[in-house]
Protein backbone atom coordinates (compact mmCIF):
# COMPACT_ATOMS: atom_id res chain seq x y z
CA UNK A 1 0.91 -2.24 12.14
CA UNK A 2 -1.62 -5.00 11.64
CA UNK A 3 -5.22 -3.92 11.24
CA UNK A 4 -8.30 -5.95 10.33
CA UNK A 5 -11.49 -4.43 8.91
CA UNK A 6 -14.65 -5.52 7.08
CA UNK A 7 -15.84 -4.36 3.67
CA UNK A 8 -19.49 -3.81 4.57
CA UNK A 9 -22.24 -2.43 2.33
CA UNK A 10 -23.22 0.38 4.73
CA UNK A 11 -19.65 1.56 5.14
CA UNK A 12 -19.05 1.42 1.39
CA UNK A 13 -22.21 3.49 0.77
CA UNK A 14 -21.15 6.15 3.32
CA UNK A 15 -17.61 6.23 1.91
CA UNK A 16 -18.88 6.69 -1.65
CA UNK A 17 -21.26 9.46 -0.56
CA UNK A 18 -18.46 11.22 1.34
CA UNK A 19 -16.56 11.30 -1.96
CA UNK A 20 -19.58 12.91 -3.62
CA UNK A 21 -20.41 9.81 -5.65
CA UNK A 22 -23.84 8.30 -5.98
CA UNK A 23 -24.40 4.81 -4.67
CA UNK A 24 -22.98 3.49 -7.94
CA UNK A 25 -23.31 -0.07 -9.12
CA UNK A 26 -24.71 -2.37 -6.43
CA UNK A 27 -21.87 -4.29 -4.81
CA UNK A 28 -19.16 -2.04 -6.28
CA UNK A 29 -16.49 -0.92 -3.82
CA UNK A 30 -14.55 2.31 -4.56
CA UNK A 31 -10.87 1.51 -5.11
CA UNK A 32 -9.78 3.94 -2.39
CA UNK A 33 -12.09 2.37 0.22
CA UNK A 34 -9.01 0.88 1.91
CA UNK A 35 -8.39 4.27 3.54
CA UNK A 36 -11.00 3.30 6.15
CA UNK A 37 -8.30 1.08 7.68
CA UNK A 38 -7.19 4.09 9.72
CA UNK A 39 -10.46 4.11 11.65
CA UNK A 40 -9.79 0.52 12.75
CA UNK A 41 -6.22 1.27 13.85
CA UNK A 42 -6.17 2.07 17.59
CA UNK A 43 -2.79 3.80 17.18
CA UNK A 44 -3.76 6.10 14.29
CA UNK A 45 -2.54 9.52 15.52
CA UNK A 46 -5.48 11.46 14.04
CA UNK A 47 -8.09 9.36 15.84
CA UNK A 48 -9.71 11.20 18.77
CA UNK A 49 -9.44 9.40 22.14
CA UNK A 50 -11.67 10.21 25.08
CA UNK A 51 -9.69 11.87 27.87
CA UNK A 52 -6.68 12.70 25.67
CA UNK A 53 -5.66 15.88 23.89
CA UNK A 54 -6.24 15.48 20.17
CA UNK A 55 -3.59 16.16 17.55
CA UNK A 56 -6.26 16.88 14.91
CA UNK A 57 -5.87 16.78 11.18
CA UNK A 58 -5.09 20.30 9.95
CA UNK A 59 -1.83 22.25 9.91
CA UNK A 60 -2.43 23.96 13.24
CA UNK A 61 -5.12 21.73 14.72
CA UNK A 62 -3.12 20.35 17.58
CA UNK A 63 -4.56 20.63 21.06
CA UNK A 64 -1.59 18.73 22.44
CA UNK A 65 1.39 21.06 23.03
CA UNK A 66 3.66 18.08 23.75
CA UNK A 67 3.27 16.84 20.15
CA UNK A 68 5.03 19.00 17.59
CA UNK A 69 3.36 19.35 14.23
CA UNK A 70 5.26 16.89 11.96
CA UNK A 71 4.46 18.95 8.86
CA UNK A 72 5.89 22.28 10.02
CA UNK A 73 9.39 23.72 9.87
CA UNK A 74 12.78 22.16 9.23
CA UNK A 75 12.76 18.41 9.15
CA UNK A 76 9.08 18.40 8.24
CA UNK A 77 7.73 15.03 7.22
CA UNK A 78 5.07 15.10 4.55
CA UNK A 79 3.22 12.55 2.47
CA UNK A 80 4.47 12.60 -1.12
CA UNK A 81 2.80 9.74 -3.04
CA UNK A 82 0.55 6.71 -2.78
CA UNK A 83 0.61 3.89 -5.32
CA UNK A 84 -1.87 1.01 -5.39
CA UNK A 85 -1.54 -2.35 -7.11
CA UNK A 86 -4.88 -4.18 -7.28
CA UNK A 87 -4.50 -7.93 -7.52
CA UNK A 88 -8.29 -8.25 -7.71
CA UNK A 89 -11.25 -5.92 -7.02
CA UNK A 90 -12.47 -5.40 -3.47
CA UNK A 91 -15.71 -7.24 -2.75
CA UNK A 92 -18.50 -6.71 -0.27
CA UNK A 93 -18.04 -9.26 2.49
CA UNK A 94 -14.26 -9.24 2.34
CA UNK A 95 -12.53 -8.98 5.69
CA UNK A 96 -9.14 -7.43 5.04
CA UNK A 97 -6.05 -7.72 7.19
CA UNK A 98 -3.46 -5.03 6.58
CA UNK A 99 0.19 -5.55 7.45
CA UNK A 100 2.93 -3.05 6.85
CA UNK A 101 6.66 -3.04 6.41
CA UNK A 102 9.44 -0.77 5.28
CA UNK A 103 10.29 -0.31 1.64
CA UNK A 104 13.18 1.58 0.13
CA UNK A 105 14.87 4.82 1.17
CA UNK A 106 16.72 7.38 -0.93
CA UNK A 107 17.79 11.04 -0.94
CA UNK A 108 17.68 13.88 -3.43
CA UNK A 109 18.59 17.54 -3.30
CA UNK A 110 15.57 19.80 -3.65
CA UNK A 111 15.50 23.34 -4.97
CA UNK A 112 13.78 24.82 -1.90
CA UNK A 113 13.95 22.23 0.86
CA UNK A 114 17.63 21.28 0.67
CA UNK A 115 18.36 17.59 1.23
CA UNK A 116 15.20 15.48 0.84
CA UNK A 117 14.97 12.08 2.53
CA UNK A 118 12.42 9.75 0.96
CA UNK A 119 11.09 6.59 2.64
CA UNK A 120 8.61 3.97 1.51
CA UNK A 121 6.09 2.05 3.56
CA UNK A 122 4.53 -1.03 1.98
CA UNK A 123 1.06 -2.19 3.05
CA UNK A 124 -0.40 -5.52 2.04
CA UNK A 125 -4.15 -6.13 2.19
CA UNK A 126 -5.11 -9.79 2.41
CA UNK A 127 -8.61 -11.19 2.46
CA UNK A 128 -10.11 -13.72 4.87
CA UNK A 129 -8.54 -16.54 2.82
CA UNK A 130 -5.08 -14.96 3.01
CA UNK A 131 -5.15 -13.97 -0.67
CA UNK A 132 -3.25 -10.77 -1.52
CA UNK A 133 -5.85 -8.25 -2.72
CA UNK A 134 -4.00 -4.90 -2.76
CA UNK A 135 -0.44 -3.69 -2.33
CA UNK A 136 -0.13 -0.04 -1.30
CA UNK A 137 3.15 1.85 -1.48
CA UNK A 138 3.35 5.07 0.52
CA UNK A 139 6.17 7.53 -0.05
CA UNK A 140 7.05 10.12 2.59
CA UNK A 141 9.63 12.87 2.45
CA UNK A 142 11.49 14.77 5.16
CA UNK A 143 12.97 18.16 4.28
CA UNK A 144 16.27 19.55 5.50
CA UNK A 145 14.90 23.07 5.91
CA UNK A 146 11.49 24.75 5.91
CA UNK A 147 9.86 25.30 2.57
CA UNK A 148 8.33 28.78 2.66
CA UNK A 149 6.24 30.43 0.02
CA UNK A 150 8.51 32.25 -2.37
CA UNK A 151 11.66 30.93 -0.67
């Protein structure tokens, strides 16, 4: 995945308001603003596409019967953690390019889900000068069996 997106004042204002924050300090960019990258990624699976059934974003929101829900049942894949390393603050006017690669992988035995397979995805955000601005580490986990309430 390689995605490019601008850090624009209007988008930052809307993002901050969606989080319930006021407009804050002029020019300040919320540290989690990088999540807007998904809206610039044409392959993001939760992005609606005209003329296509939409997977949606909730547990049972799928309108596409050919796509199983990845967060249901045995072998479910769920997001476990996100870690950010900020090499400098985001700035209005930055144009960030995001590239991703694989990180580590490991297993553990869980109390309810059986064997747990963890994988990392590393995203690097570079500015228009190629300077590394943020490193994001995403951790996902796949369960061996369904995790039910009270199981």
